[in-house]
Protein backbone atom coordinates (compact mmCIF):
# COMPACT_ATOMS: atom_id res chain seq x y z
CA MET A 1 7.00 32.93 8.89
CA LYS A 2 8.57 35.75 6.63
CA LEU A 3 9.09 34.12 3.24
CA HIS A 4 12.55 35.42 2.88
CA ASN A 5 13.39 34.01 6.29
CA ALA A 6 11.78 30.75 5.19
CA PHE A 7 14.24 30.62 2.38
CA ILE A 8 17.31 31.36 4.23
CA ALA A 9 16.30 28.83 6.96
CA ALA A 10 16.02 25.91 4.30
CA LEU A 11 19.10 27.21 2.34
CA ALA A 12 20.91 26.35 5.48
CA LEU A 13 20.06 22.88 5.61
CA THR A 14 20.78 21.96 1.80
CA GLY A 15 24.06 20.03 2.55
CA LEU A 16 22.20 18.10 5.45
CA LEU A 17 19.04 17.04 4.22
CA SER A 18 18.82 17.47 0.17
CA SER A 19 17.24 14.34 -0.99
CA CYS A 20 18.44 14.12 -4.75
CA THR A 21 21.55 12.60 -5.99
CA GLY A 22 23.96 14.07 -8.53
CA ASP A 23 27.34 16.03 -7.39
CA TRP A 24 25.06 18.83 -6.26
CA LEU A 25 23.55 16.74 -3.58
CA ASP A 26 26.56 17.18 -1.39
CA THR A 27 26.51 21.21 -1.18
CA THR A 28 28.00 23.03 1.67
CA LYS A 29 27.42 26.42 3.25
CA GLU A 30 29.91 29.16 2.02
CA GLY A 31 29.17 31.77 4.41
CA THR A 32 25.84 33.36 5.43
CA ALA A 33 23.27 33.56 2.80
CA THR A 34 21.35 36.78 2.56
CA GLU A 35 18.62 38.60 0.32
CA GLY A 36 21.44 41.35 -0.16
CA ASN A 37 24.42 38.86 -1.30
CA PHE A 38 22.37 36.30 -3.11
CA TRP A 39 20.86 36.03 -6.40
CA LYS A 40 23.84 37.29 -8.50
CA THR A 41 25.18 34.02 -10.28
CA ASP A 42 23.99 30.66 -11.72
CA LYS A 43 25.42 28.95 -8.48
CA ASP A 44 23.30 30.80 -6.35
CA TYR A 45 20.26 29.76 -8.13
CA ILE A 46 21.64 26.26 -8.26
CA LYS A 47 22.33 26.31 -4.36
CA ALA A 48 18.65 27.92 -3.92
CA CYS A 49 16.84 25.08 -5.58
CA ASN A 50 18.79 22.40 -3.84
CA SER A 51 17.16 23.81 -0.71
CA LEU A 52 13.91 23.00 -2.18
CA TYR A 53 14.29 19.12 -1.77
CA TYR A 54 15.29 18.93 1.88
CA VAL A 55 11.52 18.07 2.82
CA TYR A 56 11.99 14.77 0.96
CA GLY A 57 14.71 13.60 3.07
CA LEU A 58 12.80 14.28 6.53
CA GLU A 59 11.59 11.18 8.65
CA GLU A 60 8.80 13.59 9.37
CA THR A 61 7.31 13.35 5.64
CA TYR A 62 8.55 10.61 3.28
CA GLY A 63 10.75 9.00 5.62
CA ARG A 64 7.78 7.54 7.73
CA ASP A 65 5.26 10.28 9.00
CA LEU A 66 3.14 10.82 5.92
CA PHE A 67 2.63 6.87 5.81
CA TRP A 68 0.92 6.77 9.35
CA GLU A 69 -1.99 8.37 7.30
CA GLN A 70 -2.27 4.88 5.27
CA GLY A 71 -3.27 3.00 8.61
CA ALA A 72 -6.70 4.01 7.73
CA SER A 73 -6.51 2.09 4.55
CA ASP A 74 -7.21 -1.51 4.00
CA ASP A 75 -3.50 -2.46 2.63
CA ILE A 76 -1.43 -1.39 5.85
CA PHE A 77 -1.06 -2.64 9.33
CA TYR A 78 0.96 -0.94 11.87
CA SER A 79 3.09 -3.97 13.22
CA ARG A 80 4.39 -2.18 16.39
CA SER A 81 2.25 -0.80 19.11
CA ARG A 82 1.53 3.03 18.37
CA GLY A 83 0.14 5.98 20.44
CA ASN A 84 -2.92 8.42 20.18
CA GLY A 85 -1.56 10.17 17.37
CA GLU A 86 -0.81 7.39 15.07
CA MET A 87 -4.13 5.66 15.97
CA SER A 88 -6.04 8.71 15.58
CA LEU A 89 -5.13 8.80 11.93
CA ALA A 90 -6.24 5.00 11.49
CA ASN A 91 -9.29 5.33 13.05
CA TYR A 92 -10.65 8.36 11.91
CA THR A 93 -10.55 10.11 15.22
CA TYR A 94 -8.32 12.98 14.34
CA ASP A 95 -9.36 16.30 15.76
CA GLY A 96 -6.66 19.07 15.37
CA GLN A 97 -5.00 18.44 18.59
CA THR A 98 -3.75 14.57 18.84
CA GLU A 99 -2.36 13.75 15.84
CA SER A 100 1.13 15.77 15.75
CA ARG A 101 2.11 13.99 12.70
CA LEU A 102 0.18 16.01 10.55
CA SER A 103 1.51 19.43 12.03
CA THR A 104 5.00 18.74 11.09
CA ILE A 105 4.06 17.85 7.51
CA TYR A 106 1.73 20.72 7.14
CA SER A 107 4.38 23.29 8.15
CA GLU A 108 7.54 21.45 6.04
CA MET A 109 4.97 21.76 2.93
CA TYR A 110 4.28 25.53 3.66
CA THR A 111 8.14 25.97 4.03
CA THR A 112 8.83 24.51 0.93
CA MET A 113 6.06 26.70 -0.92
CA ALA A 114 7.58 29.77 0.63
CA VAL A 115 11.23 28.95 -0.42
CA ALA A 116 9.61 28.27 -4.02
CA ASN A 117 7.92 31.37 -3.93
CA ASN A 118 10.86 33.24 -3.32
CA ILE A 119 12.78 31.54 -6.12
CA VAL A 120 10.30 32.39 -8.59
CA TYR A 121 9.99 35.94 -7.44
CA HIS A 122 13.78 36.54 -7.95
CA ALA A 123 14.06 34.30 -11.11
CA LEU A 124 11.11 36.66 -12.64
CA GLN A 125 13.37 39.72 -11.95
CA VAL A 126 15.49 38.44 -14.65
CA PRO A 127 14.37 39.72 -18.27
CA GLU A 128 13.45 36.61 -20.18
CA ALA A 129 15.65 37.25 -22.63
CA SER A 130 18.56 37.71 -20.14
CA ARG A 131 17.71 34.30 -18.34
CA SER A 132 20.68 31.94 -18.41
CA ALA A 133 19.93 28.30 -18.85
CA VAL A 134 20.16 27.56 -15.15
CA VAL A 135 17.92 30.47 -14.21
CA LYS A 136 15.14 29.25 -16.53
CA ARG A 137 15.56 25.64 -15.30
CA SER A 138 15.52 26.95 -11.68
CA LEU A 139 12.35 28.92 -12.50
CA GLY A 140 10.83 25.60 -13.53
CA GLU A 141 12.21 23.70 -10.40
CA ALA A 142 10.72 26.20 -8.13
CA TYR A 143 7.26 26.29 -10.21
CA PHE A 144 7.16 22.37 -9.98
CA MET A 145 8.02 22.34 -5.88
CA ARG A 146 5.64 25.26 -5.22
CA ALA A 147 2.96 23.04 -7.17
CA PHE A 148 3.98 19.60 -5.50
CA ALA A 149 3.93 21.03 -1.91
CA HIS A 150 0.57 22.91 -2.81
CA PHE A 151 -0.90 19.71 -3.88
CA MET A 152 -0.04 18.03 -0.73
CA ILE A 153 -1.89 20.33 1.05
CA ALA A 154 -4.92 20.80 -1.10
CA TYR A 155 -6.04 17.17 -1.56
CA ARG A 156 -5.65 16.48 2.19
CA TYR A 157 -7.10 19.60 3.59
CA GLY A 158 -9.43 21.05 0.92
CA SER A 159 -12.90 20.27 -0.04
CA ALA A 160 -15.60 21.62 -2.37
CA THR A 161 -16.90 24.22 0.22
CA GLN A 162 -13.32 25.38 1.35
CA GLY A 163 -9.69 25.46 -0.26
CA VAL A 164 -6.22 25.82 1.44
CA PRO A 165 -4.18 28.78 1.95
CA PHE A 166 -2.23 29.79 -1.16
CA SER A 167 -0.63 32.92 -2.83
CA ARG A 168 1.60 33.55 -5.57
CA TYR A 169 4.48 35.13 -4.33
CA GLU A 170 5.07 37.07 -7.52
CA GLU A 171 1.53 38.77 -7.31
CA MET A 172 1.63 39.64 -3.54
CA THR A 173 1.93 43.03 -2.24
CA ASP A 174 2.57 42.09 1.38
CA HIS A 175 5.31 39.55 1.42
CA ASN A 176 4.59 39.00 5.19
CA ALA A 177 0.96 38.18 4.75
CA ILE A 178 -0.53 34.78 5.60
CA PRO A 179 -1.30 33.05 2.52
CA THR A 180 -4.80 33.60 1.36
CA GLN A 181 -7.11 30.69 2.01
CA GLN A 182 -8.87 29.79 -1.43
CA ALA A 183 -12.83 29.75 -1.79
CA THR A 184 -12.68 26.01 -2.85
CA VAL A 185 -10.26 23.42 -3.47
CA MET A 186 -10.95 23.65 -7.03
CA ASP A 187 -9.63 27.05 -7.11
CA ASN A 188 -6.38 25.57 -5.41
CA TYR A 189 -6.07 22.83 -8.28
CA LYS A 190 -6.66 25.46 -10.93
CA MET A 191 -3.32 27.16 -9.72
CA ILE A 192 -1.72 24.08 -9.07
CA VAL A 193 -1.91 23.12 -12.66
CA GLU A 194 -1.17 26.47 -13.85
CA ASP A 195 2.11 26.27 -11.93
CA LEU A 196 2.71 22.71 -13.33
CA GLN A 197 2.45 24.35 -16.95
CA LYS A 198 4.80 26.92 -16.09
CA ALA A 199 7.26 24.46 -14.89
CA ALA A 200 6.73 22.12 -18.01
CA ASP A 201 7.53 25.39 -20.02
CA ASN A 202 10.82 25.82 -18.42
CA LEU A 203 12.04 22.34 -17.82
CA ASP A 204 13.28 19.94 -20.21
CA TRP A 205 12.47 15.95 -20.52
CA PHE A 206 14.56 13.85 -18.56
CA LYS A 207 15.91 12.08 -21.24
CA ASN A 208 17.80 14.96 -22.14
CA TYR A 209 19.27 15.78 -18.50
CA SER A 210 22.93 14.81 -17.73
CA GLU A 211 23.55 12.28 -15.09
CA ASP A 212 25.04 14.75 -12.83
CA ASN A 213 21.34 16.39 -12.44
CA TYR A 214 19.22 13.41 -12.52
CA GLY A 215 16.80 13.87 -9.60
CA ARG A 216 15.98 17.63 -10.64
CA PRO A 217 12.14 17.98 -11.80
CA THR A 218 11.74 17.53 -15.45
CA LYS A 219 9.04 18.07 -18.20
CA ASP A 220 7.74 14.39 -17.45
CA ALA A 221 7.29 14.83 -13.76
CA ALA A 222 5.36 18.26 -14.25
CA TYR A 223 3.01 16.66 -16.90
CA ALA A 224 2.56 13.69 -14.55
CA TYR A 225 1.51 15.58 -11.51
CA MET A 226 -0.82 17.85 -13.65
CA VAL A 227 -2.17 14.48 -14.42
CA LYS A 228 -2.55 13.64 -10.96
CA ALA A 229 -3.97 16.89 -10.19
CA TYR A 230 -6.80 16.78 -12.79
CA ALA A 231 -7.90 13.47 -11.31
CA TYR A 232 -8.19 14.70 -7.81
CA TRP A 233 -9.89 17.70 -9.22
CA ALA A 234 -12.44 15.49 -11.31
CA ARG A 235 -13.68 14.38 -8.08
CA PHE A 236 -15.35 17.66 -7.83
CA ASP A 237 -15.57 18.36 -11.81
CA LYS A 238 -16.25 15.33 -13.73
CA THR A 239 -15.18 17.36 -17.00
CA LYS A 240 -11.44 17.29 -15.77
CA TRP A 241 -11.16 13.43 -16.67
CA ALA A 242 -11.02 14.58 -20.32
CA GLU A 243 -7.73 16.53 -19.89
CA ILE A 244 -5.92 13.28 -18.74
CA PRO A 245 -5.41 10.88 -21.89
CA ALA A 246 -3.64 13.38 -24.04
CA LEU A 247 -1.13 14.33 -21.17
CA VAL A 248 -0.21 10.63 -20.60
CA ASP A 249 0.21 10.26 -24.27
CA LYS A 250 2.58 13.14 -24.25
CA VAL A 251 4.76 11.85 -21.37
CA GLU A 252 4.74 8.37 -23.31
CA ASN A 253 5.44 9.70 -26.78
CA GLU A 254 7.54 12.77 -26.23
CA GLY A 255 9.07 12.07 -23.07
CA GLU A 256 9.93 8.29 -24.01
CA ARG A 257 8.78 7.02 -20.80
CA GLY A 258 7.35 3.30 -20.61
CA LEU A 259 7.05 0.16 -18.53
CA LEU A 260 9.78 -2.36 -17.67
CA ASP A 261 9.30 -5.64 -19.05
CA ASN A 262 9.54 -7.03 -15.43
CA PHE A 263 7.57 -5.75 -12.58
CA ALA A 264 9.99 -6.60 -9.86
CA ASP A 265 12.79 -4.86 -11.65
CA VAL A 266 11.04 -1.43 -11.10
CA PHE A 267 12.33 -1.66 -7.41
CA LYS A 268 16.04 -2.22 -7.97
CA VAL A 269 18.66 0.24 -7.63
CA ALA A 270 20.03 -0.64 -10.70
CA ASN A 271 16.83 0.96 -12.39
CA ASN A 272 16.54 4.17 -10.07
CA TRP A 273 16.55 5.89 -13.52
CA SER A 274 14.84 3.53 -15.73
CA LYS A 275 12.26 4.70 -18.49
CA GLU A 276 9.47 4.00 -15.80
CA TYR A 277 11.11 6.88 -13.55
CA ILE A 278 8.90 9.86 -13.15
CA TRP A 279 9.48 11.26 -9.69
CA SER A 280 11.34 9.74 -6.83
CA VAL A 281 12.65 10.40 -3.21
CA ASN A 282 16.38 10.39 -4.51
CA SER A 283 18.38 8.74 -1.86
CA SER A 284 21.90 7.23 -0.98
CA GLY A 285 23.16 4.68 1.37
CA TYR A 286 26.51 6.29 1.65
CA ASN A 287 25.76 9.85 2.92
CA TYR A 288 22.45 8.92 4.71
CA ALA A 289 20.54 11.15 2.14
CA GLY A 290 17.01 10.31 1.14
CA SER A 291 14.31 8.26 2.47
CA GLU A 292 14.40 5.59 5.41
CA PHE A 293 11.34 3.96 4.14
CA PRO A 294 13.11 0.72 2.85
CA ALA A 295 14.19 0.19 6.34
CA ILE A 296 11.20 1.38 8.06
CA VAL A 297 9.17 -1.39 6.63
CA LEU A 298 11.82 -4.04 7.11
CA GLU A 299 11.54 -6.62 9.76
CA ASN A 300 12.21 -5.07 13.41
CA LYS A 301 15.86 -5.30 14.07
CA GLY A 302 16.37 -7.26 10.65
CA TRP A 303 16.56 -10.70 11.97
CA GLY A 304 19.57 -9.44 14.27
CA LEU A 305 21.71 -8.12 11.27
CA TYR A 306 20.28 -4.67 10.68
CA ASN A 307 18.26 -2.09 12.34
CA GLY A 308 14.93 -2.41 10.38
CA TRP A 309 11.97 -0.51 12.19
CA GLY A 310 9.22 -2.81 11.47
CA ASN A 311 6.51 -0.07 11.34
CA PHE A 312 4.33 -1.16 8.52
CA LYS A 313 3.24 -4.43 7.20
CA PRO A 314 0.66 -5.88 4.63
CA THR A 315 -2.58 -7.18 5.50
CA LEU A 316 -4.02 -10.35 4.54
CA GLU A 317 -6.66 -8.41 2.51
CA LEU A 318 -4.16 -7.00 0.14
CA TRP A 319 -2.43 -10.36 -0.16
CA ALA A 320 -5.84 -11.70 -1.27
CA GLU A 321 -6.26 -9.38 -3.62
CA TYR A 322 -3.82 -10.68 -5.85
CA ASN A 323 -4.60 -14.03 -8.06
CA ASP A 324 -2.05 -16.80 -7.77
CA GLN A 325 -0.47 -15.87 -11.15
CA ASP A 326 0.09 -12.33 -10.28
CA ALA A 327 3.80 -12.01 -10.49
CA ARG A 328 3.27 -8.56 -8.42
CA ARG A 329 2.06 -10.53 -5.38
CA SER A 330 5.51 -11.82 -4.68
CA ALA A 331 7.46 -9.00 -5.65
CA THR A 332 5.51 -6.72 -3.12
CA ILE A 333 5.20 -9.00 -0.26
CA LEU A 334 7.26 -11.74 1.59
CA SER A 335 5.10 -14.76 2.86
CA TYR A 336 6.32 -17.45 5.28
CA GLY A 337 8.96 -19.70 3.71
CA ASP A 338 9.84 -17.49 0.69
CA THR A 339 13.31 -16.82 -0.08
CA PHE A 340 15.19 -13.68 -0.45
CA LYS A 341 18.82 -12.35 -0.27
CA PHE A 342 20.05 -10.57 2.64
CA PHE A 343 23.36 -9.08 3.10
CA GLY A 344 24.74 -11.83 0.45
CA THR A 345 23.21 -14.43 2.22
CA THR A 346 19.91 -16.52 1.05
CA ARG A 347 17.04 -16.50 3.68
CA ARG A 348 13.57 -17.90 4.12
CA TYR A 349 11.20 -15.37 5.50
CA PHE A 350 9.58 -15.66 9.10
CA SER A 351 8.85 -12.95 11.50
CA ALA A 352 9.25 -13.35 15.01
CA SER A 353 8.93 -9.78 16.34
CA ASP A 354 6.35 -7.37 17.10
CA ASN A 355 2.61 -7.71 16.52
CA GLU A 356 2.03 -10.99 14.33
CA CYS A 357 0.77 -10.50 10.93
CA GLY A 358 2.67 -13.38 8.76
CA PHE A 359 3.83 -10.75 5.98
CA GLN A 360 6.09 -8.25 5.09
CA PHE A 361 6.54 -5.71 2.22
CA ASN A 362 9.13 -7.00 -0.20
CA LYS A 363 9.19 -4.05 -2.97
CA TYR A 364 12.08 -2.24 -1.22
CA MET A 365 14.43 -5.14 -0.19
CA ASP A 366 16.75 -4.89 -3.02
CA PRO A 367 19.41 -2.55 -1.64
CA PHE A 368 19.47 -5.01 1.46
CA SER A 369 20.22 -7.89 -0.66
CA ARG A 370 24.13 -7.51 -1.47
CA GLY A 371 26.92 -6.84 0.95
CA LYS A 372 28.00 -8.93 3.72
CA VAL A 373 27.88 -9.96 7.23
CA VAL A 374 30.51 -8.53 9.19
CA ASP A 375 30.76 -9.39 13.09
CA GLY A 376 27.22 -10.27 13.12
CA ALA A 377 25.93 -7.15 11.36
CA GLY A 378 24.88 -6.51 7.81
CA VAL A 379 27.13 -4.24 5.87
CA SER A 380 26.78 -2.67 2.28
CA ASP A 381 27.79 0.27 0.33
CA GLU A 382 24.09 0.48 -0.45
CA VAL A 383 22.73 0.53 3.05
CA SER A 384 23.51 3.23 5.72
CA GLY A 385 25.72 2.27 8.26
CA ASN A 386 23.70 4.22 10.78
CA GLY A 387 21.00 2.57 12.25
CA ASP A 388 19.45 5.38 13.40
CA ARG A 389 19.17 7.01 9.95
CA PRO A 390 18.90 3.82 7.78
CA THR A 391 18.79 5.26 4.35
CA THR A 392 19.61 3.19 1.36
CA ALA A 393 20.57 3.60 -2.39
CA LEU A 394 17.24 2.72 -3.52
CA ASN A 395 15.33 5.68 -4.77
CA LEU A 396 11.80 5.83 -3.25
CA PRO A 397 8.97 6.11 -6.24
CA LEU A 398 6.43 8.61 -5.68
CA CYS A 399 5.23 8.65 -8.97
CA ARG A 400 6.16 6.27 -12.05
CA PHE A 401 4.83 5.61 -15.49
CA ALA A 402 2.50 2.72 -14.57
CA GLU A 403 0.45 5.16 -12.43
CA LEU A 404 -0.11 7.37 -15.27
CA LEU A 405 -1.40 4.55 -17.57
CA LEU A 406 -3.83 3.55 -14.61
CA PHE A 407 -5.07 7.28 -14.53
CA LYS A 408 -5.34 7.21 -18.14
CA ALA A 409 -7.50 3.86 -17.99
CA GLU A 410 -9.47 5.66 -15.09
CA ALA A 411 -10.22 8.68 -16.80
CA LEU A 412 -11.41 6.68 -19.82
CA ILE A 413 -13.80 4.70 -18.01
CA MET A 414 -15.10 7.60 -16.18
CA GLN A 415 -16.03 9.28 -19.49
CA GLY A 416 -17.84 5.92 -20.60
CA LYS A 417 -14.92 5.09 -22.85
CA ASN A 418 -14.41 1.59 -21.49
CA GLU A 419 -13.24 -0.16 -24.45
CA GLU A 420 -10.50 2.62 -25.17
CA ALA A 421 -9.33 2.05 -21.18
CA ALA A 422 -8.54 -1.61 -22.22
CA GLU A 423 -5.34 -0.63 -23.87
CA PRO A 424 -3.56 1.00 -20.92
CA LEU A 425 -5.07 -1.27 -18.46
CA ASN A 426 -3.82 -4.45 -20.32
CA HIS A 427 -0.28 -2.81 -20.34
CA ILE A 428 -0.60 -3.21 -16.54
CA ALA A 429 -2.25 -6.64 -16.40
CA GLN A 430 0.05 -8.40 -19.00
CA ARG A 431 3.09 -7.00 -17.51
CA ALA A 432 1.73 -8.54 -14.31
CA LYS A 433 1.35 -12.01 -15.93
CA GLU A 434 -2.02 -12.50 -13.93
CA GLY A 435 -3.75 -14.16 -16.92
CA VAL A 436 -6.32 -11.24 -17.53
CA THR A 437 -7.15 -9.33 -20.76
CA TYR A 438 -9.62 -6.75 -20.72
CA THR A 439 -11.96 -5.81 -23.48
CA ARG A 440 -14.36 -3.26 -21.56
CA PRO A 441 -13.08 -2.75 -18.18
CA THR A 442 -15.22 -1.47 -15.28
CA MET A 443 -14.13 0.47 -12.46
CA PHE A 444 -13.90 -2.46 -10.16
CA ASP A 445 -11.17 -3.75 -12.62
CA LEU A 446 -9.44 -0.24 -12.54
CA MET A 447 -9.51 -0.24 -8.67
CA HIS A 448 -8.37 -3.92 -8.61
CA GLU A 449 -5.10 -2.98 -10.97
CA ARG A 450 -4.34 0.22 -9.21
CA ARG A 451 -4.34 -1.49 -5.78
CA CYS A 452 -2.04 -4.40 -6.97
CA GLU A 453 0.50 -2.44 -9.14
CA LEU A 454 1.00 0.44 -6.43
CA ALA A 455 0.67 -1.36 -2.99
CA GLY A 456 2.79 -0.29 -0.34
CA GLU A 457 3.62 2.89 -2.45
CA TRP A 458 3.34 6.46 -1.90
CA THR A 459 0.50 7.01 -4.21
CA ASP A 460 -1.79 7.18 -1.21
CA ARG A 461 -4.28 4.29 -1.41
CA ARG A 462 -6.13 6.16 1.40
CA TYR A 463 -7.09 9.10 -0.58
CA ASP A 464 -7.93 6.65 -3.67
CA LEU A 465 -10.46 5.10 -1.35
CA ILE A 466 -11.82 8.26 -0.33
CA ARG A 467 -12.53 9.85 -3.75
CA TRP A 468 -13.79 6.37 -4.85
CA ALA A 469 -16.45 6.34 -1.97
CA THR A 470 -17.56 9.82 -2.52
CA GLU A 471 -18.23 9.75 -6.32
CA GLY A 472 -21.49 8.33 -6.31
CA ASN A 473 -23.73 5.46 -5.08
CA ALA A 474 -22.71 2.78 -7.69
CA ASP A 475 -21.66 -0.68 -6.37
CA TRP A 476 -17.78 0.39 -6.79
CA ASN A 477 -18.48 3.55 -4.56
CA LEU A 478 -19.93 1.40 -1.86
CA ASP A 479 -16.90 -1.12 -2.16
CA ALA A 480 -14.60 1.76 -1.68
CA LYS A 481 -16.28 2.88 1.24
CA THR A 482 -16.27 -0.22 2.72
CA LYS A 483 -12.57 -0.86 2.49
CA LEU A 484 -11.99 2.32 4.32
CA THR A 485 -13.60 0.93 7.32
CA ILE A 486 -12.95 -2.80 7.25
CA ALA A 487 -11.21 -4.60 10.21
CA LYS A 488 -7.66 -6.03 9.06
CA HIS A 489 -6.37 -9.44 9.29
CA GLY A 490 -3.23 -11.69 9.14
CA LEU A 491 -2.23 -14.95 9.30
CA LYS A 492 -0.95 -16.88 12.36
CA HIS A 493 1.87 -19.39 12.31
CA VAL A 494 2.32 -22.32 14.89
CA ASP A 495 5.88 -21.43 15.55
CA ARG A 496 6.58 -17.81 14.38
CA SER A 497 10.50 -18.16 14.14
CA ASN A 498 10.05 -21.05 11.64
CA PRO A 499 9.62 -20.44 7.90
CA ASP A 500 7.98 -23.69 7.37
CA SER A 501 5.67 -23.24 10.35
CA PRO A 502 2.17 -24.60 9.42
CA LEU A 503 -0.66 -21.89 10.06
CA ASP A 504 -2.35 -21.99 13.52
CA THR A 505 -5.74 -23.60 13.03
CA THR A 506 -6.29 -23.73 16.91
CA ASN A 507 -5.88 -20.02 17.58
CA GLY A 508 -6.64 -18.72 14.19
CA THR A 509 -9.98 -18.98 12.38
CA THR A 510 -11.22 -19.57 8.89
CA MET A 511 -12.01 -16.52 6.87
CA THR A 512 -13.12 -16.00 3.20
CA ILE A 513 -11.57 -12.78 1.75
CA ASN A 514 -12.09 -11.69 -1.78
CA GLY A 515 -13.64 -15.30 -2.63
CA LYS A 516 -10.81 -17.00 -1.04
CA THR A 517 -10.78 -19.20 2.08
CA TYR A 518 -7.90 -18.91 4.28
CA LYS A 519 -7.06 -20.83 7.69
CA GLY A 520 -5.20 -19.50 10.79
CA VAL A 521 -6.94 -16.03 10.32
CA ILE A 522 -6.46 -13.38 13.17
CA GLY A 523 -7.62 -9.93 13.66
CA LEU A 524 -4.51 -7.54 13.69
CA ALA A 525 -3.59 -6.01 17.04
CA VAL A 526 -5.37 -2.94 17.46
CA MET A 527 -6.52 -2.93 14.02
CA ASP A 528 -9.03 -5.74 14.20
CA LYS A 529 -12.13 -3.72 14.35
CA VAL A 530 -14.76 -2.12 11.87
CA ARG A 531 -14.43 1.57 12.14
CA SER A 532 -16.56 4.70 11.09
CA ILE A 533 -15.84 7.54 9.10
CA ASP A 534 -18.05 10.57 8.78
CA GLU A 535 -17.85 13.11 6.12
CA ASN A 536 -15.84 15.39 8.04
CA HIS A 537 -12.99 13.21 8.15
CA TYR A 538 -12.52 12.83 4.38
CA VAL A 539 -10.39 16.04 4.86
CA PHE A 540 -7.93 16.65 7.91
CA PRO A 541 -8.23 19.24 10.51
CA TYR A 542 -5.99 22.33 10.79
CA ARG A 543 -3.96 22.24 14.00
CA ILE A 544 -6.09 24.07 16.42
CA ASN A 545 -3.23 26.55 17.45
CA THR A 546 -2.63 27.34 13.75
CA VAL A 547 -6.26 28.48 13.36
CA ILE A 548 -6.05 30.57 16.57
CA GLN A 549 -2.67 32.01 15.86
CA SER A 550 -3.84 32.95 12.30
CA ASN A 551 -6.32 35.67 13.76
CA GLY A 552 -9.28 34.67 11.54
CA ALA A 553 -7.21 34.15 8.48
CA LEU A 554 -7.51 30.59 8.42
CA LYS A 555 -10.91 28.87 8.68
CA GLN A 556 -11.14 25.40 10.48
CA ASN A 557 -12.73 22.86 8.07
CA PRO A 558 -16.36 21.73 9.20
CA GLY A 559 -16.85 19.36 12.22
CA TYR A 560 -13.65 20.17 13.89
CA ALA A 561 -12.82 22.62 16.87
CA SER A 562 -11.28 25.70 16.13
CA LYS A 563 -10.49 26.90 19.73
């Protein structure tokens, strides 16, 4: 796609699919945008930047489809029967033809890069001394979103022997050319970090933003994704771990980011913009903007009150990772008999729909807690009335400060500074009230805390396991590799529609998981077998048609067909 045309196409979608909040969310089309009549005023740059964020509001990205990839992790169960496309992602059988979910995500990220490239190009035509505050901020937003979309492609498709396509628009001589495929993913990470630094140079800290601009990229977010990029880069170059601690400290001290006192409060609508916020899919239950994910993980049909989709549920393996003191477990997972609010009424959890599991994610239930039941249906200002587009007022976290503390601890452990890693890891553990104090934490400790803290979030548990599994042959490497391929389990109850139902010890078995013995254990439907993963499947394949249509400009990843 020509880059100018990609920009115009995305701009046309601004009023429909933007995922950010503030008055600028509800933009409307004012005539037809063209290169000739655009880029004249601050309003033009604002409108151009608003078009960057449509990618977040798509079901095909952060609404649902990216999360099908987590079926390959040990935390996630597909609670409704799925076809070959999703199961190929869960079973490491993707081949560049069957997993259609990847294709849409790939194209949307490159469209976002194209739009960002065009904004960067035009903003740089304005002499630096003449740039208004809005043009400068717009340049920072474009650098951030170019880096974000580039990062999403790089770590999922790139390797030490082959990078992913990317070109800086401001350096291109042929703006219609296919982006250059970089030699290694390290080359991609280098350019991602450079873009994030440019973003940080042009953006302000979130603490200085006015409420009407909440949801735009900030200096905090730029440094945070630089941390994440360095952590992923460190899989191939261990020296990059050294870059992380100071960046986290900068976000904490200069950006004034930190942890909320209570873990469960992080996932409340009232705390969408708390000090723990770094970057989110900003959402609304009023105009259907943002992510559907809270309803995607809600019980299918919402106990008859709302159109939950029931696609993803937690495994017994995840439940067993928490100790009984850990406050994160009940905040993250609903189990039989747990009380919760649903459209103003107190209920007790059970699940009678779809494939049996015994659990549901609880992190995203806050917007469903308020409102009322009218004529047998749940109604709330914080929840979309359109069950086919079930967004809520809860922002979907993509990166929060807790993850930065975890990356800081991991970076210190990977440098042999285990004692120093105790401080950031204890911040996490103490808030969790899990009765643990670390003095010299190990990678096993780090892996445990990261799993418990970020379960069911968009931090990519699947890739965590891949990067840990491929970093050596220590016990923790082997543990991660095992967790990539294990069979998944749940708990069976005698009467699924009764929150007080005992476990079914006749049809379920007894099993020890993570040192704990459970009765009534069942293998989860179509996910109850040990799988295998080969080296090729640590990265995704390019769509075969994309490779063919590139006329040799795009090389397929090793181990996959290209024709």
